Protein backbone atom coordinates (compact mmCIF):
# COMPACT_ATOMS: atom_id res chain seq x y z
CA SER A 1 112.80 133.82 72.21
CA LEU A 2 109.89 136.49 71.68
CA GLY A 3 106.23 135.17 71.34
CA ALA A 4 102.72 136.56 70.94
CA GLU A 5 99.34 135.40 70.48
CA MET A 6 95.99 137.17 69.59
CA ALA A 7 92.41 135.25 70.40
CA TYR A 8 89.33 136.28 69.23
CA ILE A 9 86.97 134.98 72.07
CA PHE A 10 83.27 133.98 71.16
CA GLY A 11 80.39 131.65 72.03
CA ASN A 12 76.92 131.33 73.89
CA ILE A 13 76.10 130.64 77.46
CA ASP A 14 72.65 129.35 78.10
CA ASN A 15 71.76 128.52 81.75
CA ASN A 16 68.42 126.91 82.94
CA VAL A 17 67.36 126.33 86.45
CA LEU A 18 64.49 124.49 87.14
CA ASN A 19 62.21 124.36 90.59
CA ARG A 20 59.58 121.67 91.07
CA ARG A 21 57.81 120.05 93.57
CA ASP A 22 55.59 117.32 93.86
CA GLY A 23 51.83 117.75 94.56
CA VAL A 24 52.49 121.44 93.33
CA GLN A 25 50.40 122.54 90.19
CA LEU A 26 53.07 125.09 88.99
CA GLY A 27 56.91 124.98 88.47
CA THR A 28 59.08 127.48 87.84
CA ARG A 29 62.00 128.28 85.37
CA HIS A 30 64.94 130.91 84.89
CA VAL A 31 66.53 130.94 81.53
CA THR A 32 69.44 132.74 80.57
CA ASN A 33 70.77 133.23 77.32
CA SER A 34 73.91 135.21 76.59
CA TYR A 35 76.26 135.97 73.47
CA VAL A 36 80.03 136.66 74.95
CA ARG A 37 82.98 138.02 72.57
CA GLY A 38 86.15 140.06 72.89
CA PHE A 39 89.97 139.89 71.98
CA SER A 40 92.75 138.70 73.93
CA VAL A 41 96.44 138.96 73.53
CA LYS A 42 99.37 137.40 75.32
CA LEU A 43 102.93 138.17 75.30
CA GLY A 44 105.89 135.73 76.00
CA ALA A 45 109.80 135.63 76.55
CA HIS A 46 112.48 132.78 76.95
CA TYR A 47 116.06 132.75 77.55
CA ALA A 48 118.15 129.58 77.73
CA PRO A 49 121.63 130.34 78.10
CA LYS A 50 124.51 127.52 78.58
CA ILE A 51 125.69 128.04 82.01
CA THR A 52 128.09 124.99 81.78
CA GLU A 53 128.78 122.48 78.79
CA LYS A 54 125.81 120.48 79.35
CA MET A 55 123.91 122.41 81.78
CA THR A 56 121.33 124.76 80.61
CA LEU A 57 119.45 127.88 82.83
CA LYS A 58 116.12 128.49 81.45
CA ILE A 59 113.85 131.55 82.28
CA GLY A 60 110.47 132.75 81.07
CA VAL A 61 108.06 135.25 81.52
CA ALA A 62 104.78 135.53 79.79
CA ALA A 63 101.49 138.13 80.35
CA ASP A 64 97.72 137.45 79.28
CA LEU A 65 97.10 141.20 78.86
CA GLU A 66 94.01 142.82 80.65
CA SER A 67 90.89 142.06 78.08
CA THR A 68 87.15 143.11 78.18
CA LEU A 69 84.33 140.59 77.04
CA LYS A 70 81.36 141.99 75.95
CA ASP A 71 78.07 140.06 77.18
CA ASP A 72 74.91 140.61 75.47
CA GLY A 73 72.08 138.30 76.55
CA ASP A 74 68.18 137.88 77.82
CA SER A 75 66.88 136.47 80.80
CA GLN A 76 63.32 135.09 81.64
CA VAL A 77 61.46 133.89 84.57
CA PHE A 78 58.54 132.09 83.77
CA SER A 79 55.80 129.34 85.40
CA PHE A 80 54.83 125.82 83.76
CA ILE A 81 52.28 123.23 84.72
CA ASN A 82 54.66 120.59 87.05
CA GLY A 83 54.53 117.09 85.79
CA ASP A 84 54.11 117.78 82.26
CA GLU A 85 57.07 116.32 80.21
CA THR A 86 57.12 120.01 78.16
CA THR A 87 57.92 123.24 79.46
CA ILE A 88 55.46 125.59 78.18
CA PRO A 89 55.36 128.63 79.74
CA VAL A 90 51.98 129.52 81.46
CA ASP A 91 53.01 132.92 82.89
CA THR A 92 56.34 135.22 82.30
CA LEU A 93 57.36 136.34 85.49
CA THR A 94 60.05 138.63 84.36
CA SER A 95 61.75 138.66 81.08
CA SER A 96 64.70 141.52 79.88
CA SER A 97 67.49 141.82 77.96
CA TYR A 98 71.16 142.99 79.21
CA THR A 99 74.40 143.98 78.26
CA ALA A 100 77.17 143.46 80.70
CA GLU A 101 81.14 143.34 80.46
CA ILE A 102 83.64 140.74 81.95
CA LYS A 103 86.78 142.04 82.71
CA SER A 104 90.41 139.89 82.84
CA PRO A 105 93.02 141.52 84.79
CA LEU A 106 96.63 141.20 84.07
CA LYS A 107 97.94 137.52 84.29
CA THR A 108 101.45 137.12 84.69
CA VAL A 109 103.69 134.17 84.48
CA ILE A 110 107.26 134.06 85.89
CA SER A 111 109.50 130.47 85.46
CA ALA A 112 112.81 129.25 85.65
CA GLY A 113 114.36 125.95 85.44
CA VAL A 114 117.81 124.55 85.08
CA GLY A 115 118.63 120.67 83.46
CA GLU A 116 120.76 119.01 80.63
CA GLU A 117 119.17 118.65 77.48
CA ASN A 118 117.49 115.11 76.85
CA LYS A 119 118.47 114.05 81.01
CA TRP A 120 117.13 115.96 83.63
CA PHE A 121 115.42 119.43 84.42
CA ILE A 122 113.97 120.89 87.54
CA GLY A 123 111.83 124.14 87.43
CA ALA A 124 109.48 126.42 89.33
CA GLU A 125 106.60 128.73 87.74
CA TYR A 126 104.90 131.26 89.79
CA THR A 127 101.34 132.68 88.27
CA PHE A 128 99.21 135.55 89.87
CA GLN A 129 96.26 137.44 88.70
CA ASN A 130 93.87 140.30 90.29
CA PRO A 131 90.08 138.95 90.16
CA ILE A 132 87.99 138.84 87.42
CA GLU A 133 85.40 141.66 87.17
CA PHE A 134 82.07 141.34 86.05
CA THR A 135 79.23 144.23 85.33
CA GLY A 136 76.16 145.00 84.09
CA GLY A 137 73.08 142.42 83.50
CA ILE A 138 72.82 139.48 85.53
CA TYR A 139 75.94 140.02 87.19
CA ASP A 140 74.92 142.81 89.26
CA ASP A 141 72.20 140.81 90.84
CA ILE A 142 74.21 137.55 91.33
CA ASP A 143 76.16 137.89 95.08
CA PHE A 144 76.50 133.95 95.77
CA TYR A 145 79.58 134.03 94.03
CA ARG A 146 83.00 135.67 94.23
CA TYR A 147 86.13 135.88 92.34
CA ASP A 148 89.62 136.71 94.48
CA LYS A 149 92.92 137.15 93.69
CA PHE A 150 94.95 134.38 91.83
CA SER A 151 98.17 132.91 92.48
CA ASN A 152 99.82 129.50 91.81
CA ILE A 153 103.01 127.90 92.47
CA SER A 154 104.44 124.80 90.78
CA VAL A 155 107.97 123.03 91.39
CA GLY A 156 108.80 119.85 89.47
CA GLY A 157 111.60 117.88 87.15
CA PHE A 158 112.05 115.12 85.38
CA TYR A 159 114.91 112.68 84.63
CA LEU A 160 115.41 110.30 81.46
CA PRO A 161 118.21 107.51 82.46
CA LYS A 162 118.98 107.08 78.45
CA ILE A 163 117.21 108.22 75.46
CA ASN A 164 118.39 106.21 73.08
CA SER A 165 118.71 103.01 74.67
CA ILE A 166 117.85 99.63 72.94
CA SER A 167 118.18 96.85 75.22
CA ASN A 168 115.96 98.39 78.29
CA TYR A 169 112.50 100.13 78.32
CA PHE A 170 112.93 101.41 81.55
CA GLU A 171 116.05 103.50 80.84
CA ARG A 172 114.19 105.03 77.91
CA ILE A 173 111.53 105.95 80.37
CA THR A 174 110.92 109.87 81.03
CA TYR A 175 110.27 110.14 85.09
CA ARG A 176 108.65 112.94 86.08
CA ALA A 177 107.43 114.52 89.57
CA GLY A 178 105.85 117.77 90.89
CA ILE A 179 103.90 119.70 93.12
CA ASN A 180 101.43 122.30 92.65
CA TYR A 181 100.07 125.06 95.39
């Protein structure tokens, strides 16, 4: 089996940071509004040959291809009268527009497992990706977060005693277990 998926990603990200202190006349607020958009493409392949009359081997690979999202926005820092329920700006300290990019590198998933249809299955999956990169705009000024390489391994399976049991509910239950690191 082969598969492909294409998506158009879009949306707004609004962020507000409010700083108020009791007994201080003015508070500050940092407001960031941005609009993110771009495309992503995923490709996948799955192969499931029979290894015995009842057992099937399942092998899969998927790739979320590298994509770049555009981020256009504006950022403002202003002061306001503290204690007021509204936050009407008194003084605008900074105001700027920006254009930035969010680059998501290739993400790869490899999986394999063996099992008997509607009876049991044991499988493993490994996922890895280089760090997401942010360039331009407010991302150049923020250094309190950092992305690193990503990897994940999962192992698990299921057991189904008797799929069509009429007399015993516990024989129809699918028992599942797994670990994720």
